[in-house]
């Protein structure tokens, strides 16, 4: 009975993240023969295959929103409110294809995204122009995402990596970033930290960023029964943010509560996700 419940939960969660064509897409990604951008021993495979990505992804969206040009592009063109699950599914598929898929499939996925970026242009409410294909703007999105995924894995990963392997993870993500059009992406954790610091003078909170934070943290498109589960993930996504980012988004720190309740909840939730998403071992007699 427990096995049946586990499998049903796993399928339901996978459908949410990967969409109705998820099983077919997963089979194509993992079973198509051919060279890959990343071998089976690369850290990017370990990080992107872990349940900590659920928390890291939320944290990345909050951090990315603090660049006014990036947030203007998202607010004006992504449709994250009208189709949040579709956007999640497209993002998760892109990560899976570039991390685990064949080199040719990975390049096609990158080319598709670059084509979309090329068409996304506009201006902020203050009249500042933006272009989603701008290498500098892409650099912010990449750095915020990589840092968030790394922090999440370091704290909630099933098997946290050694420092040298996290440096190698940053180098792995640079391969994808360059393909997307980022100029000279960071290659290790020190460079990643320096790159984030270099963007600080451009970062500021906007009404669109606060609206996105309210949507992500307090108004998720989920049934009421699932909102406490999501709330635990969201609370840990906030805890992962740099203190300056939390302050800008008006997300206060409560250190005692975070240490005694929020972080243990994050560890429990990622263990649960890992459990339901991992197929149970079948008996050799069945």
Protein backbone atom coordinates (compact mmCIF):
# COMPACT_ATOMS: atom_id res chain seq x y z
CA UNK A 1 0.00 0.00 0.00
CA UNK A 2 2.80 2.41 0.92
CA UNK A 3 4.51 1.67 -2.38
CA UNK A 4 1.33 2.48 -4.32
CA UNK A 5 0.89 5.79 -2.47
CA UNK A 6 4.53 6.64 -3.07
CA UNK A 7 4.27 5.94 -6.79
CA UNK A 8 1.06 7.96 -7.15
CA UNK A 9 2.60 10.92 -5.32
CA UNK A 10 5.71 10.69 -7.45
CA UNK A 11 3.74 10.64 -10.69
CA UNK A 12 1.59 13.57 -9.60
CA UNK A 13 4.61 15.66 -8.64
CA UNK A 14 6.43 14.76 -11.84
CA UNK A 15 3.41 15.80 -13.92
CA UNK A 16 3.38 19.17 -12.19
CA UNK A 17 7.06 19.77 -12.85
CA UNK A 18 7.50 18.13 -16.26
CA UNK A 19 4.03 18.42 -17.81
CA UNK A 20 1.81 15.79 -19.43
CA UNK A 21 4.56 14.76 -21.87
CA UNK A 22 7.09 14.39 -19.06
CA UNK A 23 7.58 10.60 -19.26
CA UNK A 24 8.17 10.72 -23.02
CA UNK A 25 10.53 13.68 -22.69
CA UNK A 26 12.43 11.99 -19.85
CA UNK A 27 12.89 8.82 -21.90
CA UNK A 28 14.19 10.80 -24.87
CA UNK A 29 16.61 12.79 -22.70
CA UNK A 30 18.10 9.84 -20.85
CA UNK A 31 17.81 7.00 -23.37
CA UNK A 32 18.84 8.62 -26.66
CA UNK A 33 22.41 7.53 -27.42
CA UNK A 34 25.08 10.06 -28.26
CA UNK A 35 27.67 12.37 -26.69
CA UNK A 36 26.61 14.71 -23.88
CA UNK A 37 27.83 18.10 -22.77
CA UNK A 38 28.38 16.62 -19.29
CA UNK A 39 29.56 13.15 -18.37
CA UNK A 40 27.92 11.09 -15.61
CA UNK A 41 30.54 12.14 -13.06
CA UNK A 42 30.05 15.91 -13.48
CA UNK A 43 28.76 17.91 -10.48
CA UNK A 44 26.03 19.59 -12.55
CA UNK A 45 24.30 16.22 -12.81
CA UNK A 46 24.39 15.76 -9.06
CA UNK A 47 23.07 19.23 -8.26
CA UNK A 48 20.36 19.39 -10.93
CA UNK A 49 19.13 15.90 -10.08
CA UNK A 50 18.54 16.63 -6.40
CA UNK A 51 15.31 17.60 -4.64
CA UNK A 52 17.03 20.72 -3.31
CA UNK A 53 16.32 22.25 -6.73
CA UNK A 54 12.73 22.89 -5.65
CA UNK A 55 13.96 25.32 -3.01
CA UNK A 56 16.83 26.65 -5.10
CA UNK A 57 14.55 27.42 -8.02
CA UNK A 58 12.17 29.49 -5.91
CA UNK A 59 15.06 31.35 -4.33
CA UNK A 60 16.55 32.04 -7.77
CA UNK A 61 13.30 33.59 -9.02
CA UNK A 62 13.17 35.92 -6.01
CA UNK A 63 16.79 36.97 -6.43
CA UNK A 64 16.54 37.43 -10.20
CA UNK A 65 13.52 39.72 -9.76
CA UNK A 66 15.70 42.36 -8.12
CA UNK A 67 17.26 43.44 -11.40
CA UNK A 68 14.71 45.93 -12.76
CA UNK A 69 15.40 45.10 -16.41
CA UNK A 70 15.15 41.35 -15.86
CA UNK A 71 11.95 41.80 -13.87
CA UNK A 72 10.45 44.08 -16.52
CA UNK A 73 11.12 41.43 -19.16
CA UNK A 74 9.53 38.71 -17.03
CA UNK A 75 6.50 40.85 -16.13
CA UNK A 76 5.94 41.91 -19.70
CA UNK A 77 6.60 38.71 -21.60
CA UNK A 78 6.78 35.52 -19.51
CA UNK A 79 3.12 35.05 -18.55
CA UNK A 80 4.19 33.69 -15.18
CA UNK A 81 0.84 34.61 -13.62
CA UNK A 82 -1.37 33.23 -16.36
CA UNK A 83 0.62 30.02 -16.92
CA UNK A 84 3.00 29.47 -13.98
CA UNK A 85 3.06 25.69 -14.35
CA UNK A 86 3.78 25.93 -18.05
CA UNK A 87 6.71 28.22 -17.34
CA UNK A 88 8.02 25.83 -14.67
CA UNK A 89 7.69 22.89 -17.03
CA UNK A 90 9.55 24.66 -19.82
CA UNK A 91 12.34 25.67 -17.45
CA UNK A 92 12.69 22.21 -15.92
CA UNK A 93 12.77 20.63 -19.38
CA UNK A 94 15.50 23.03 -20.50
CA UNK A 95 17.59 22.21 -17.43
CA UNK A 96 17.10 18.49 -17.96
CA UNK A 97 17.96 18.57 -21.66
CA UNK A 98 21.10 20.67 -21.25
CA UNK A 99 22.27 18.70 -18.20
CA UNK A 100 21.51 15.11 -19.25
CA UNK A 101 20.50 15.14 -22.93
CA UNK A 102 22.57 14.56 -26.02
CA UNK A 103 24.80 17.40 -27.20
CA UNK A 104 22.63 17.92 -30.28
CA UNK A 105 19.42 18.10 -28.21
CA UNK A 106 21.10 20.48 -25.76
CA UNK A 107 22.18 22.77 -28.59
CA UNK A 108 18.67 22.75 -30.08
CA UNK A 109 17.22 23.69 -26.69
CA UNK A 110 19.70 26.56 -26.36
CA UNK A 111 19.00 27.77 -29.91
CA UNK A 112 15.27 27.78 -29.17
CA UNK A 113 15.72 29.86 -26.02
CA UNK A 114 18.06 32.26 -27.79
CA UNK A 115 15.44 32.78 -30.47
CA UNK A 116 12.88 33.67 -27.80
CA UNK A 117 15.30 36.03 -26.05
CA UNK A 118 16.06 37.79 -29.32
CA UNK A 119 12.39 38.73 -29.73
CA UNK A 120 11.87 40.02 -26.18
CA UNK A 121 12.39 43.78 -26.12
CA UNK A 122 10.72 46.61 -24.28
CA UNK A 123 11.18 49.33 -21.71
CA UNK A 124 10.65 49.71 -17.97
CA UNK A 125 8.03 52.05 -16.51
CA UNK A 126 10.81 54.69 -16.38
CA UNK A 127 11.51 54.25 -20.07
CA UNK A 128 14.78 52.30 -19.73
CA UNK A 129 15.06 49.87 -22.67
CA UNK A 130 15.79 46.19 -22.20
CA UNK A 131 16.55 43.27 -24.48
CA UNK A 132 16.43 39.72 -23.12
CA UNK A 133 19.37 38.72 -25.34
CA UNK A 134 21.66 41.35 -23.75
CA UNK A 135 24.73 39.37 -22.56
CA UNK A 136 25.05 41.56 -19.46
CA UNK A 137 21.43 40.99 -18.42
CA UNK A 138 21.74 37.27 -19.14
CA UNK A 139 24.82 37.30 -16.92
CA UNK A 140 22.77 38.47 -13.94
CA UNK A 141 20.09 35.83 -14.51
CA UNK A 142 22.74 33.13 -14.80
CA UNK A 143 24.72 34.21 -11.74
CA UNK A 144 21.60 34.49 -9.54
CA UNK A 145 20.36 31.08 -10.67
CA UNK A 146 23.70 29.31 -10.25
CA UNK A 147 24.28 30.79 -6.79
CA UNK A 148 20.78 29.82 -5.66
CA UNK A 149 21.03 26.23 -6.90
CA UNK A 150 24.47 25.89 -5.30
CA UNK A 151 23.32 27.28 -1.93
CA UNK A 152 20.26 25.03 -1.93
CA UNK A 153 22.28 21.91 -2.67
CA UNK A 154 24.89 22.79 -0.09
CA UNK A 155 22.18 23.04 2.58
CA UNK A 156 19.60 20.47 1.49
CA UNK A 157 21.34 18.13 -0.96
CA UNK A 158 21.30 14.41 -0.26
CA UNK A 159 25.10 14.36 -0.48
CA UNK A 160 26.64 17.86 -0.28
CA UNK A 161 29.72 18.22 -2.45
CA UNK A 162 33.27 19.15 -1.57
CA UNK A 163 34.33 22.75 -2.17
CA UNK A 164 36.27 21.79 -5.31
CA UNK A 165 33.19 20.08 -6.72
CA UNK A 166 31.05 23.17 -6.16
CA UNK A 167 33.70 25.13 -8.06
CA UNK A 168 33.38 22.51 -10.81
CA UNK A 169 29.59 22.94 -10.73
CA UNK A 170 29.99 26.65 -11.45
CA UNK A 171 32.32 25.78 -14.32
CA UNK A 172 29.75 23.30 -15.68
CA UNK A 173 26.98 25.89 -15.65
CA UNK A 174 29.29 28.30 -17.48
CA UNK A 175 29.19 25.91 -20.46
CA UNK A 176 25.43 26.39 -20.77
CA UNK A 177 25.62 30.11 -19.99
CA UNK A 178 28.11 30.73 -22.80
CA UNK A 179 25.90 28.84 -25.22
CA UNK A 180 23.00 31.11 -24.21
CA UNK A 181 25.05 34.24 -24.87
CA UNK A 182 26.55 35.15 -21.49
CA UNK A 183 29.94 36.83 -21.86
CA UNK A 184 32.72 35.34 -19.72
CA UNK A 185 30.54 33.60 -17.08
CA UNK A 186 32.13 32.81 -13.69
CA UNK A 187 34.10 29.56 -13.51
CA UNK A 188 34.32 28.98 -9.76
CA UNK A 189 32.58 30.04 -6.58
CA UNK A 190 34.89 32.98 -5.92
CA UNK A 191 34.24 34.42 -9.36
CA UNK A 192 30.51 33.80 -8.90
CA UNK A 193 30.48 35.79 -5.66
CA UNK A 194 32.47 38.60 -7.28
CA UNK A 195 30.08 38.68 -10.24
CA UNK A 196 27.02 39.00 -8.01
CA UNK A 197 28.71 41.81 -6.10
CA UNK A 198 29.50 43.60 -9.36
CA UNK A 199 25.77 43.75 -10.17
CA UNK A 200 24.80 45.22 -6.81
CA UNK A 201 24.80 48.83 -8.04
CA UNK A 202 22.18 47.87 -10.64
CA UNK A 203 19.89 46.06 -8.23
CA UNK A 204 16.80 47.68 -6.81
CA UNK A 205 13.35 46.56 -5.83
CA UNK A 206 10.45 47.55 -8.07
CA UNK A 207 6.68 47.19 -7.65
CA UNK A 208 6.87 44.33 -10.17
CA UNK A 209 9.47 42.55 -8.05
CA UNK A 210 7.37 42.84 -4.90
CA UNK A 211 4.29 41.68 -6.80
CA UNK A 212 6.22 38.65 -8.05
CA UNK A 213 7.39 37.87 -4.52
CA UNK A 214 3.82 38.06 -3.20
CA UNK A 215 2.65 35.73 -5.96
CA UNK A 216 5.46 33.21 -5.41
CA UNK A 217 5.34 33.21 -1.63
CA UNK A 218 1.72 33.83 -0.69
CA UNK A 219 -0.53 33.20 -3.71
CA UNK A 220 0.73 30.05 -5.40
CA UNK A 221 -1.65 28.41 -7.90
CA UNK A 222 -2.15 25.34 -5.72
CA UNK A 223 -5.04 23.62 -3.95
CA UNK A 224 -5.39 24.68 -0.30
CA UNK A 225 -4.36 21.22 0.88
CA UNK A 226 -0.94 21.58 -0.76
CA UNK A 227 -0.19 25.13 0.34
CA UNK A 228 1.38 24.22 3.72
CA UNK A 229 3.80 21.90 1.88
CA UNK A 230 4.62 24.65 -0.61
CA UNK A 231 4.87 27.18 2.22
CA UNK A 232 7.68 25.17 3.79
CA UNK A 233 9.61 25.21 0.52
CA UNK A 234 8.97 28.93 0.04
CA UNK A 235 10.09 29.79 3.57
CA UNK A 236 13.39 28.02 2.97
CA UNK A 237 13.79 29.75 -0.39
CA UNK A 238 13.61 33.04 1.50
CA UNK A 239 16.16 31.86 4.08
CA UNK A 240 18.60 31.08 1.26
CA UNK A 241 18.54 34.65 -0.07
CA UNK A 242 21.46 36.98 0.68
CA UNK A 243 20.51 39.28 3.61
CA UNK A 244 20.52 42.37 1.38
CA UNK A 245 18.05 40.74 -1.01
CA UNK A 246 15.70 39.79 1.82
CA UNK A 247 15.76 43.34 3.09
CA UNK A 248 14.93 44.79 -0.30
CA UNK A 249 11.91 42.49 -0.63
CA UNK A 250 10.73 43.28 2.93
CA UNK A 251 11.23 39.68 4.06
CA UNK A 252 12.45 39.98 7.67
CA UNK A 253 14.80 37.58 9.44
CA UNK A 254 13.70 35.65 12.52
CA UNK A 255 16.89 33.71 13.35
CA UNK A 256 15.52 31.51 16.16
CA UNK A 257 12.45 30.47 14.18
CA UNK A 258 14.52 29.85 11.08
CA UNK A 259 17.02 27.66 12.91
CA UNK A 260 14.50 25.67 14.98
CA UNK A 261 11.61 25.36 12.52
CA UNK A 262 12.21 26.60 8.98
CA UNK A 263 15.45 24.81 8.13
CA UNK A 264 14.42 21.45 9.67
CA UNK A 265 11.20 21.71 7.67
CA UNK A 266 13.22 22.27 4.51
CA UNK A 267 15.33 19.19 5.19
CA UNK A 268 12.22 17.10 5.86
CA UNK A 269 10.45 18.31 2.73
CA UNK A 270 13.41 17.68 0.43
CA UNK A 271 13.78 14.18 1.91
CA UNK A 272 10.10 13.58 1.21
CA UNK A 273 10.36 14.82 -2.39
CA UNK A 274 13.43 12.66 -2.89
CA UNK A 275 11.56 9.65 -1.52
CA UNK A 276 8.46 10.01 -3.71
CA UNK A 277 10.46 10.84 -6.85
CA UNK A 278 12.79 7.85 -6.52
CA UNK A 279 11.25 4.65 -7.93
CA UNK A 280 11.22 1.89 -5.30
CA UNK A 281 13.50 -1.06 -5.90
CA UNK A 282 11.60 -4.00 -7.26
CA UNK A 283 12.12 -7.46 -5.91
CA UNK A 284 14.04 -9.70 -8.29
CA UNK A 285 11.16 -12.18 -8.02
CA UNK A 286 8.56 -9.68 -9.35
